[in-house]
């Protein structure tokens, strides 16, 4: 595997497949995973007292729009999610 590339042509960590991390807990990502996904957007379900969601990554993309499209493709309403950028671990 040659690795994953972002839109700027920069190679991501060749051992990190963003698609396999959907469903992961952000706080449990390894340093290698965080370095490989730094700069990517993730979607996490919004907290409400009624839902008290599990804080899992529900979509990963280079943009919020990509995250929203990934959620919609799974039948989830993008309005019920917050979007944030993953940062390098240090």
N, C-alpha and C. Protein backbone atom coordinates (compact mmCIF):
# COMPACT_ATOMS: atom_id res chain seq x y z
N UNK A 1 0.85 -1.18 0.00
CA UNK A 1 0.00 0.00 0.00
C UNK A 1 0.89 1.24 0.00
N UNK A 2 0.65 2.10 -0.91
CA UNK A 2 1.46 3.30 -1.04
C UNK A 2 1.11 4.36 -0.02
N UNK A 3 -0.05 4.29 0.56
CA UNK A 3 -0.48 5.27 1.55
C UNK A 3 -1.70 6.03 1.08
N UNK A 4 -2.26 6.80 1.96
CA UNK A 4 -3.43 7.62 1.67
C UNK A 4 -2.96 9.04 1.45
N UNK A 5 -3.57 9.72 0.50
CA UNK A 5 -3.18 11.10 0.19
C UNK A 5 -4.34 12.04 0.48
N UNK A 6 -4.02 13.22 0.99
CA UNK A 6 -5.05 14.22 1.16
C UNK A 6 -5.09 15.09 -0.09
N UNK A 7 -5.95 16.08 -0.12
CA UNK A 7 -6.14 16.89 -1.33
C UNK A 7 -4.91 17.69 -1.72
N UNK A 8 -4.05 17.98 -0.78
CA UNK A 8 -2.85 18.74 -1.11
C UNK A 8 -1.74 17.83 -1.63
N UNK A 9 -2.01 16.54 -1.69
CA UNK A 9 -1.02 15.59 -2.18
C UNK A 9 -0.07 15.08 -1.11
N UNK A 10 -0.27 15.53 0.13
CA UNK A 10 0.59 15.06 1.21
C UNK A 10 0.16 13.65 1.59
N UNK A 11 1.14 12.79 1.77
CA UNK A 11 0.81 11.41 2.13
C UNK A 11 0.49 11.33 3.62
N UNK A 12 -0.54 10.59 3.91
CA UNK A 12 -0.88 10.32 5.30
C UNK A 12 -0.06 9.12 5.75
N UNK A 13 -0.06 8.84 7.00
CA UNK A 13 0.62 7.67 7.50
C UNK A 13 0.11 6.46 6.72
N UNK A 14 1.02 5.70 6.13
CA UNK A 14 0.61 4.60 5.26
C UNK A 14 -0.10 3.48 6.02
N UNK A 15 -0.03 3.50 7.33
CA UNK A 15 -0.69 2.46 8.12
C UNK A 15 -2.05 2.91 8.64
N UNK A 16 -2.46 4.11 8.31
CA UNK A 16 -3.71 4.66 8.81
C UNK A 16 -4.73 4.73 7.67
N UNK A 17 -5.78 3.94 7.78
CA UNK A 17 -6.89 3.97 6.82
C UNK A 17 -8.04 4.67 7.51
N UNK A 18 -8.36 5.92 7.12
CA UNK A 18 -9.41 6.67 7.80
C UNK A 18 -10.74 5.92 7.87
N UNK A 19 -11.06 5.15 6.86
CA UNK A 19 -12.34 4.43 6.84
C UNK A 19 -12.45 3.41 7.96
N UNK A 20 -11.33 2.86 8.39
CA UNK A 20 -11.35 1.85 9.45
C UNK A 20 -11.49 2.45 10.84
N UNK A 21 -11.34 3.77 10.95
CA UNK A 21 -11.41 4.40 12.26
C UNK A 21 -12.79 4.95 12.59
N UNK A 22 -13.73 4.87 11.65
CA UNK A 22 -15.11 5.26 11.95
C UNK A 22 -15.61 4.29 13.02
N UNK A 23 -16.18 4.83 14.07
CA UNK A 23 -16.64 4.02 15.20
C UNK A 23 -15.64 4.01 16.35
N UNK A 24 -14.46 4.57 16.14
CA UNK A 24 -13.44 4.63 17.19
C UNK A 24 -13.75 5.76 18.16
N UNK A 25 -13.21 5.65 19.34
CA UNK A 25 -13.29 6.71 20.33
C UNK A 25 -12.10 7.63 20.12
N UNK A 26 -12.31 8.93 19.93
CA UNK A 26 -11.18 9.84 19.65
C UNK A 26 -10.08 9.78 20.70
N UNK A 27 -10.46 9.65 21.96
CA UNK A 27 -9.45 9.65 23.03
C UNK A 27 -8.65 8.34 23.07
N UNK A 28 -9.08 7.34 22.31
CA UNK A 28 -8.36 6.07 22.29
C UNK A 28 -7.52 5.88 21.02
N UNK A 29 -7.45 6.89 20.17
CA UNK A 29 -6.61 6.79 18.98
C UNK A 29 -5.14 6.78 19.40
N UNK A 30 -4.35 5.97 18.73
CA UNK A 30 -2.93 5.90 19.04
C UNK A 30 -2.22 7.14 18.51
N UNK A 31 -0.98 7.34 18.96
CA UNK A 31 -0.19 8.46 18.45
C UNK A 31 -0.01 8.35 16.94
N UNK A 32 0.22 7.16 16.45
CA UNK A 32 0.37 6.94 15.01
C UNK A 32 -0.91 7.32 14.26
N UNK A 33 -2.05 6.93 14.80
CA UNK A 33 -3.33 7.27 14.17
C UNK A 33 -3.56 8.78 14.20
N UNK A 34 -3.28 9.42 15.33
CA UNK A 34 -3.46 10.87 15.42
C UNK A 34 -2.54 11.62 14.47
N UNK A 35 -1.29 11.18 14.38
CA UNK A 35 -0.37 11.82 13.43
C UNK A 35 -0.85 11.63 12.00
N UNK A 36 -1.34 10.45 11.67
CA UNK A 36 -1.80 10.16 10.32
C UNK A 36 -3.05 10.90 9.93
N UNK A 37 -3.88 11.26 10.90
CA UNK A 37 -5.15 11.92 10.62
C UNK A 37 -5.15 13.41 10.99
N UNK A 38 -4.02 13.92 11.41
CA UNK A 38 -3.95 15.35 11.78
C UNK A 38 -4.43 16.20 10.61
N UNK A 39 -5.35 17.10 10.90
CA UNK A 39 -5.90 17.98 9.87
C UNK A 39 -7.20 17.48 9.27
N UNK A 40 -7.57 16.24 9.56
CA UNK A 40 -8.84 15.70 9.07
C UNK A 40 -9.98 16.13 9.99
N UNK A 41 -11.15 16.25 9.43
CA UNK A 41 -12.35 16.57 10.20
C UNK A 41 -13.01 15.27 10.65
N UNK A 42 -13.59 15.29 11.85
CA UNK A 42 -14.36 14.15 12.34
C UNK A 42 -15.73 14.63 12.78
N UNK A 43 -16.70 13.76 12.68
CA UNK A 43 -18.06 14.06 13.13
C UNK A 43 -18.35 13.24 14.38
N UNK A 44 -18.82 13.91 15.42
CA UNK A 44 -19.22 13.27 16.67
C UNK A 44 -20.65 13.69 16.96
N UNK A 45 -21.46 12.74 17.43
CA UNK A 45 -22.87 13.06 17.71
C UNK A 45 -22.96 14.13 18.79
N UNK A 46 -23.86 15.08 18.59
CA UNK A 46 -24.08 16.14 19.56
C UNK A 46 -24.65 15.59 20.86
N UNK A 47 -24.20 16.14 21.95
CA UNK A 47 -24.74 15.77 23.26
C UNK A 47 -26.03 16.53 23.51
N UNK A 48 -27.02 15.81 23.95
CA UNK A 48 -28.23 16.42 24.50
C UNK A 48 -28.60 15.59 25.72
N UNK A 49 -29.29 16.16 26.68
CA UNK A 49 -29.69 15.36 27.85
C UNK A 49 -30.55 14.16 27.47
N UNK A 50 -31.24 14.23 26.34
CA UNK A 50 -32.09 13.12 25.91
C UNK A 50 -31.29 11.97 25.28
N UNK A 51 -30.19 12.30 24.62
CA UNK A 51 -29.48 11.26 23.89
C UNK A 51 -28.25 10.72 24.62
N UNK A 52 -27.49 11.56 25.28
CA UNK A 52 -26.24 11.19 25.94
C UNK A 52 -25.47 10.20 25.05
N UNK A 53 -25.00 10.68 23.89
CA UNK A 53 -24.36 9.78 22.94
C UNK A 53 -22.99 9.28 23.41
N UNK A 54 -22.61 8.14 22.86
CA UNK A 54 -21.26 7.64 23.05
C UNK A 54 -20.37 8.49 22.15
N UNK A 55 -19.24 8.93 22.65
CA UNK A 55 -18.36 9.83 21.88
C UNK A 55 -17.50 9.02 20.92
N UNK A 56 -18.11 8.58 19.82
CA UNK A 56 -17.40 7.84 18.79
C UNK A 56 -17.32 8.66 17.52
N UNK A 57 -16.27 8.41 16.75
CA UNK A 57 -16.14 9.05 15.44
C UNK A 57 -17.15 8.40 14.52
N UNK A 58 -18.06 9.19 13.97
CA UNK A 58 -19.08 8.66 13.07
C UNK A 58 -18.76 8.92 11.60
N UNK A 59 -17.84 9.85 11.33
CA UNK A 59 -17.41 10.11 9.96
C UNK A 59 -16.06 10.81 10.00
N UNK A 60 -15.25 10.59 8.97
CA UNK A 60 -13.96 11.24 8.83
C UNK A 60 -13.87 11.76 7.40
N UNK A 61 -13.39 12.98 7.25
CA UNK A 61 -13.21 13.55 5.92
C UNK A 61 -12.26 14.72 5.97
N UNK A 62 -11.85 15.16 4.80
CA UNK A 62 -10.97 16.32 4.74
C UNK A 62 -11.72 17.61 4.98
N UNK A 63 -13.04 17.59 4.79
CA UNK A 63 -13.88 18.77 4.99
C UNK A 63 -15.13 18.37 5.76
N UNK A 64 -15.80 19.38 6.29
CA UNK A 64 -17.08 19.13 6.95
C UNK A 64 -18.06 18.52 5.96
N UNK A 65 -18.03 19.01 4.71
CA UNK A 65 -18.95 18.50 3.69
C UNK A 65 -18.74 17.01 3.45
N UNK A 66 -17.48 16.55 3.44
CA UNK A 66 -17.21 15.12 3.28
C UNK A 66 -17.76 14.33 4.46
N UNK A 67 -17.61 14.86 5.66
CA UNK A 67 -18.16 14.20 6.84
C UNK A 67 -19.69 14.10 6.73
N UNK A 68 -20.30 15.21 6.33
CA UNK A 68 -21.76 15.23 6.21
C UNK A 68 -22.23 14.23 5.16
N UNK A 69 -21.53 14.13 4.06
CA UNK A 69 -21.89 13.17 3.02
C UNK A 69 -21.75 11.74 3.53
N UNK A 70 -20.71 11.48 4.30
CA UNK A 70 -20.52 10.15 4.88
C UNK A 70 -21.63 9.79 5.85
N UNK A 71 -22.06 10.76 6.64
CA UNK A 71 -23.16 10.52 7.57
C UNK A 71 -24.45 10.25 6.82
N UNK A 72 -24.74 11.09 5.83
CA UNK A 72 -25.96 10.94 5.05
C UNK A 72 -25.99 9.59 4.33
N UNK A 73 -24.84 9.14 3.84
CA UNK A 73 -24.76 7.85 3.15
C UNK A 73 -25.11 6.69 4.09
N UNK A 74 -24.92 6.90 5.39
CA UNK A 74 -25.25 5.88 6.39
C UNK A 74 -26.64 6.09 6.97
N UNK A 75 -27.39 7.05 6.42
CA UNK A 75 -28.74 7.31 6.90
C UNK A 75 -28.80 8.13 8.18
N UNK A 76 -27.72 8.83 8.52
CA UNK A 76 -27.68 9.66 9.72
C UNK A 76 -27.90 11.11 9.34
N UNK A 77 -28.53 11.88 10.21
CA UNK A 77 -28.82 13.29 9.96
C UNK A 77 -27.62 14.14 10.37
N UNK A 78 -26.92 14.76 9.41
CA UNK A 78 -25.74 15.55 9.72
C UNK A 78 -25.98 16.70 10.70
N UNK A 79 -27.24 17.13 10.86
CA UNK A 79 -27.54 18.22 11.79
C UNK A 79 -27.39 17.81 13.25
N UNK A 80 -27.29 16.51 13.50
CA UNK A 80 -27.19 16.01 14.88
C UNK A 80 -25.74 15.72 15.29
N UNK A 81 -24.79 16.32 14.56
CA UNK A 81 -23.38 16.04 14.81
C UNK A 81 -22.59 17.34 14.91
N UNK A 82 -21.50 17.26 15.66
CA UNK A 82 -20.55 18.36 15.72
C UNK A 82 -19.32 17.93 14.93
N UNK A 83 -18.62 18.90 14.38
CA UNK A 83 -17.48 18.62 13.52
C UNK A 83 -16.25 19.32 14.09
N UNK A 84 -15.17 18.58 14.18
CA UNK A 84 -13.95 19.19 14.68
C UNK A 84 -12.76 18.59 13.95
N UNK A 85 -11.67 19.35 13.94
CA UNK A 85 -10.46 18.90 13.25
C UNK A 85 -9.56 18.17 14.24
N UNK A 86 -9.06 17.02 13.81
CA UNK A 86 -8.08 16.30 14.62
C UNK A 86 -6.75 17.03 14.53
N UNK A 87 -6.08 17.13 15.65
CA UNK A 87 -4.78 17.81 15.70
C UNK A 87 -3.68 16.80 15.93
N UNK A 88 -2.48 17.16 15.54
CA UNK A 88 -1.33 16.30 15.82
C UNK A 88 -1.19 16.16 17.33
N UNK A 89 -0.71 15.01 17.80
CA UNK A 89 -0.67 14.78 19.24
C UNK A 89 0.32 15.67 19.99
N UNK A 90 1.26 16.26 19.30
CA UNK A 90 2.23 17.15 19.96
C UNK A 90 2.87 18.04 18.94
